[in-house]
Protein backbone atom coordinates (compact mmCIF):
# COMPACT_ATOMS: atom_id res chain seq x y z
CA MET A 1 -11.84 -17.44 -16.61
CA TRP A 2 -11.12 -14.69 -14.11
CA ASP A 3 -12.65 -11.29 -14.69
CA VAL A 4 -10.63 -8.12 -14.19
CA PRO A 5 -12.26 -7.16 -10.85
CA VAL A 6 -11.30 -10.54 -9.35
CA ARG A 7 -7.72 -10.15 -10.53
CA VAL A 8 -7.43 -6.53 -9.37
CA PHE A 9 -8.90 -7.51 -6.00
CA HIS A 10 -6.48 -10.41 -5.65
CA TRP A 11 -3.29 -8.45 -6.26
CA LEU A 12 -4.39 -5.37 -4.31
CA MET A 13 -5.21 -7.65 -1.38
CA VAL A 14 -1.78 -9.27 -1.66
CA ALA A 15 -0.05 -5.87 -1.71
CA SER A 16 -2.17 -4.44 1.12
CA PHE A 17 -1.73 -7.37 3.48
CA ALA A 18 1.98 -7.69 2.76
CA GLY A 19 2.51 -3.96 3.25
CA ALA A 20 0.45 -3.87 6.45
CA TRP A 21 2.37 -6.86 7.82
CA ILE A 22 5.74 -5.25 7.10
CA THR A 23 4.77 -1.90 8.67
CA ALA A 24 2.93 -3.34 11.68
CA GLU A 25 5.69 -2.65 14.22
CA SER A 26 6.84 0.72 12.88
CA GLU A 27 5.60 4.00 14.35
CA ARG A 28 7.19 5.85 11.44
CA TRP A 29 5.06 3.95 8.92
CA ARG A 30 1.92 3.84 11.05
CA LEU A 31 -0.14 5.91 8.61
CA MET A 32 0.78 3.52 5.79
CA HIS A 33 -0.20 0.57 7.97
CA VAL A 34 -3.58 2.12 8.77
CA THR A 35 -4.15 3.13 5.13
CA LEU A 36 -3.47 -0.39 3.92
CA GLY A 37 -5.78 -1.74 6.60
CA TYR A 38 -8.63 0.48 5.45
CA THR A 39 -7.86 -0.58 1.89
CA MET A 40 -8.23 -4.22 2.89
CA ALA A 41 -11.58 -3.46 4.50
CA GLY A 42 -12.86 -1.92 1.27
CA LEU A 43 -11.51 -4.80 -0.79
CA VAL A 44 -13.19 -7.40 1.42
CA ALA A 45 -16.50 -5.54 1.18
CA PHE A 46 -16.20 -5.42 -2.61
CA ARG A 47 -15.32 -9.12 -2.88
CA LEU A 48 -18.31 -10.11 -0.78
CA LEU A 49 -20.57 -8.13 -3.09
CA TRP A 50 -18.87 -9.40 -6.23
CA GLY A 51 -19.21 -12.95 -4.91
CA LEU A 52 -22.96 -12.47 -5.19
CA VAL A 53 -23.35 -10.49 -8.43
CA GLY A 54 -20.07 -11.05 -10.28
CA THR A 55 -19.22 -13.34 -13.18
CA LYS A 56 -19.70 -17.11 -13.07
CA HIS A 57 -16.42 -18.21 -11.48
CA ALA A 58 -16.30 -15.21 -9.13
CA ARG A 59 -19.56 -16.15 -7.41
CA PHE A 60 -19.47 -18.05 -4.14
CA ALA A 61 -22.21 -20.34 -5.44
CA ASP A 62 -19.78 -21.56 -8.10
CA PHE A 63 -16.92 -22.65 -5.84
CA VAL A 64 -17.88 -22.78 -2.15
CA ARG A 65 -18.47 -26.39 -1.19
CA GLY A 66 -19.09 -28.35 2.01
CA PRO A 67 -16.62 -30.33 4.16
CA ARG A 68 -17.18 -33.53 2.18
CA ALA A 69 -16.15 -31.91 -1.09
CA VAL A 70 -13.03 -30.46 0.56
CA ALA A 71 -12.12 -33.84 2.09
CA ARG A 72 -12.71 -35.62 -1.22
CA TYR A 73 -10.51 -33.13 -3.10
CA LEU A 74 -7.69 -33.35 -0.55
CA GLY A 75 -7.90 -37.15 -0.60
CA ALA A 76 -7.65 -37.23 -4.39
CA LEU A 77 -4.75 -34.77 -4.24
CA LEU A 78 -2.82 -36.92 -1.76
CA SER A 79 -3.48 -40.04 -3.82
CA GLY A 80 -1.90 -38.42 -6.87
CA ARG A 81 -5.17 -38.23 -8.81
CA PRO A 82 -6.27 -34.64 -8.20
CA GLU A 83 -9.72 -33.50 -9.28
CA HIS A 84 -9.58 -30.76 -11.88
CA HIS A 85 -11.77 -27.71 -11.34
CA VAL A 86 -12.11 -24.92 -13.87
CA GLY A 87 -12.60 -22.32 -11.14
CA HIS A 88 -11.44 -22.49 -7.54
CA ASN A 89 -11.08 -26.01 -6.19
CA PRO A 90 -12.84 -26.84 -2.87
CA ALA A 91 -9.66 -26.48 -0.80
CA GLY A 92 -8.80 -23.17 -2.43
CA ALA A 93 -12.35 -22.00 -1.86
CA LEU A 94 -12.03 -22.80 1.85
CA ALA A 95 -8.86 -20.72 2.03
CA ILE A 96 -10.56 -17.82 0.25
CA VAL A 97 -13.53 -17.82 2.62
CA ALA A 98 -11.17 -18.02 5.60
CA MET A 99 -9.09 -15.09 4.34
CA LEU A 100 -12.17 -12.96 3.72
CA ALA A 101 -13.51 -13.69 7.20
CA LEU A 102 -10.13 -13.08 8.82
CA GLY A 103 -9.64 -9.95 6.71
CA ALA A 104 -12.93 -8.52 7.96
CA LEU A 105 -12.07 -9.30 11.60
CA LEU A 106 -8.51 -8.05 11.15
CA THR A 107 -9.53 -4.67 9.79
CA PHE A 108 -12.28 -4.20 12.38
CA SER A 109 -9.98 -5.03 15.29
CA GLY A 110 -7.31 -2.76 13.79
CA TRP A 111 -9.76 0.10 13.49
CA ALA A 112 -10.92 -0.44 17.08
CA THR A 113 -7.33 -0.54 18.35
CA TYR A 114 -6.23 2.52 16.38
CA ASN A 115 -9.18 4.61 17.56
CA GLU A 116 -9.33 3.13 21.09
CA VAL A 117 -13.01 2.33 20.68
CA PHE A 118 -12.83 -0.55 23.17
CA GLY A 119 -9.70 0.49 25.03
CA GLU A 120 -6.85 -1.98 24.57
CA ALA A 121 -9.10 -5.04 24.49
CA PHE A 122 -8.74 -5.56 20.74
CA GLU A 123 -4.97 -5.08 20.49
CA ASP A 124 -4.09 -8.72 21.22
CA LEU A 125 -6.98 -9.88 19.05
CA HIS A 126 -5.68 -7.81 16.14
CA GLU A 127 -2.23 -9.37 16.41
CA GLY A 128 -3.60 -12.88 16.77
CA VAL A 129 -5.88 -12.54 13.75
CA ALA A 130 -2.99 -11.14 11.69
CA ASN A 131 -0.88 -14.20 12.56
CA ALA A 132 -3.77 -16.53 11.72
CA MET A 133 -4.29 -14.83 8.38
CA MET A 134 -0.59 -15.08 7.57
CA ALA A 135 -0.77 -18.82 8.30
CA VAL A 136 -3.76 -19.21 5.97
CA VAL A 137 -1.96 -17.20 3.27
CA LEU A 138 1.12 -19.44 3.49
CA VAL A 139 -1.02 -22.59 3.30
CA HIS A 140 -2.89 -21.09 0.33
CA VAL A 141 0.34 -20.28 -1.51
CA ALA A 142 1.68 -23.78 -0.85
CA GLY A 143 -1.59 -25.25 -2.11
CA VAL A 144 -1.45 -23.16 -5.29
CA MET A 145 2.13 -24.30 -5.95
CA LEU A 146 1.22 -27.94 -5.35
CA ALA A 147 -1.91 -27.79 -7.51
CA SER A 148 -0.01 -26.00 -10.30
CA TRP A 149 2.58 -28.79 -10.32
CA MET A 150 0.11 -31.65 -10.16
CA HIS A 151 -2.29 -30.19 -12.75
CA ARG A 152 0.56 -29.00 -14.97
CA GLU A 153 -0.92 -25.50 -15.18
CA ASN A 154 0.26 -22.09 -14.00
CA LEU A 155 -2.42 -20.98 -11.54
CA VAL A 156 -0.49 -17.85 -10.57
CA GLY A 157 -0.21 -16.86 -14.21
CA SER A 158 -3.95 -17.42 -14.63
CA MET A 159 -4.61 -14.84 -11.92
CA VAL A 160 -2.53 -12.38 -13.95
CA THR A 161 -3.86 -13.06 -17.44
CA GLY A 162 -7.30 -14.34 -16.45
CA THR A 163 -7.03 -17.26 -18.88
CA LYS A 164 -6.71 -21.04 -18.53
CA LEU A 165 -6.67 -23.93 -20.96
CA GLY A 166 -10.01 -25.66 -21.15
CA ASP A 167 -13.42 -25.85 -22.74
CA PRO A 168 -14.31 -22.41 -24.17
CA ARG A 169 -17.87 -22.92 -22.96
CA GLU A 170 -16.58 -22.65 -19.39
CA GLY A 171 -15.24 -19.17 -20.02
CA ILE A 172 -16.94 -15.89 -19.12
CA ARG A 173 -18.43 -13.56 -21.72
CA ARG A 174 -17.25 -10.25 -20.27
CA ALA A 175 -14.10 -9.32 -18.37
CA TRP A 176 -15.71 -6.24 -16.76
CA THR A 177 -12.56 -4.22 -17.34
CA GLY A 178 -14.33 -0.98 -16.46
CA VAL A 179 -15.21 -2.20 -12.97
CA GLY A 180 -11.64 -3.32 -12.41
CA ALA A 181 -10.33 0.05 -13.58
CA LEU A 182 -12.70 1.86 -11.22
CA MET A 183 -11.50 -0.32 -8.34
CA LEU A 184 -7.89 0.48 -9.07
CA ALA A 185 -8.62 4.19 -9.49
CA ALA A 186 -10.55 4.27 -6.20
CA VAL A 187 -7.72 2.63 -4.28
CA MET A 188 -5.06 4.85 -5.85
CA GLY A 189 -7.19 7.91 -5.16
CA PHE A 190 -7.62 6.88 -1.53
CA TRP A 191 -3.89 6.35 -1.13
CA ALA A 192 -3.21 9.77 -2.68
CA LEU A 193 -5.63 11.45 -0.27
CA GLN A 194 -4.03 9.71 2.68
CA TRP A 195 -0.58 10.79 1.51
CA GLN A 196 -1.66 14.41 1.12
CA SER A 197 -3.30 14.48 4.55
CA ALA A 198 -0.28 12.95 6.29
CA PRO A 199 1.08 15.18 9.09
CA ALA A 200 4.41 16.85 8.55
CA ALA A 201 7.47 15.14 10.00
CA GLY A 202 7.55 15.65 13.73
CA ALA A 203 3.96 16.88 13.96
CA ALA A 204 1.83 15.24 16.61
CA GLY A 205 -1.47 16.94 15.87
CA GLY A 206 -4.32 14.88 14.59
CA GLN A 207 -2.93 11.58 15.85
CA PRO A 208 -5.20 9.26 17.79
CA ALA A 209 -4.83 9.27 21.55
CA ALA A 210 -3.17 5.85 21.51
CA LEU A 211 -0.29 7.15 19.39
CA GLU A 212 0.06 10.36 21.38
CA ARG A 213 0.16 8.42 24.63
CA ALA A 214 2.78 6.08 23.22
CA GLY A 215 4.92 9.08 22.36
CA HIS A 216 4.51 10.53 25.84
CA ASP A 217 5.43 7.18 27.39
CA ARG A 218 8.63 7.04 25.37
CA ASP A 219 9.50 10.60 26.40
CA ARG A 220 8.92 9.75 30.06
CA ASP A 221 11.10 6.63 29.75
CA ARG A 222 13.93 8.73 28.32
CA ASP A 223 13.56 11.22 31.17
CA ASP A 224 13.73 8.39 33.73
CA ASP A 225 16.92 7.13 32.09
């Protein structure tokens, strides 16, 4: 059902967003936060492309539906007679589109804030988008748990193995393992380069002006005390 690139994207996105959320308020882990943000940007770009040229159930044309389809699915779910969809259901598709859109805005606003491209104008936007994306993620997880229970199928497990019970004719012919492996290698390589280029402990050189100014502000506050 799910090709390897879709599954690799999914779990790398989970790890990147979770890691970026955890490190958001830490100056010590700022480089990790930025690295995970850039990783998310690359993942979103890949998923948009793969949604156009990927396998059957990865394509947006296969699962993105209009408001009526979403309302009909939610109504059937609440009535206890949920519609079964081989790929993403309409509600899940809405969450996916929302997360991709928010992910793109989140990484752009983070880049702008980190590099002071628009001053401090995007700082509040970045935080607000992050909170909105976390809300969508929590709703998505709750929806997956509910759908798994009502359909009596492990949707989380399907995103690990790529398989679901159903008509074999609905399956995909190729898993595109090579593309998934290249994705994983590219992300790991990027992380390794970021780790190697990290400044030594205590070094201030090479940091963006926003971080340097923050350090100077803290020093001045200590002097005032």
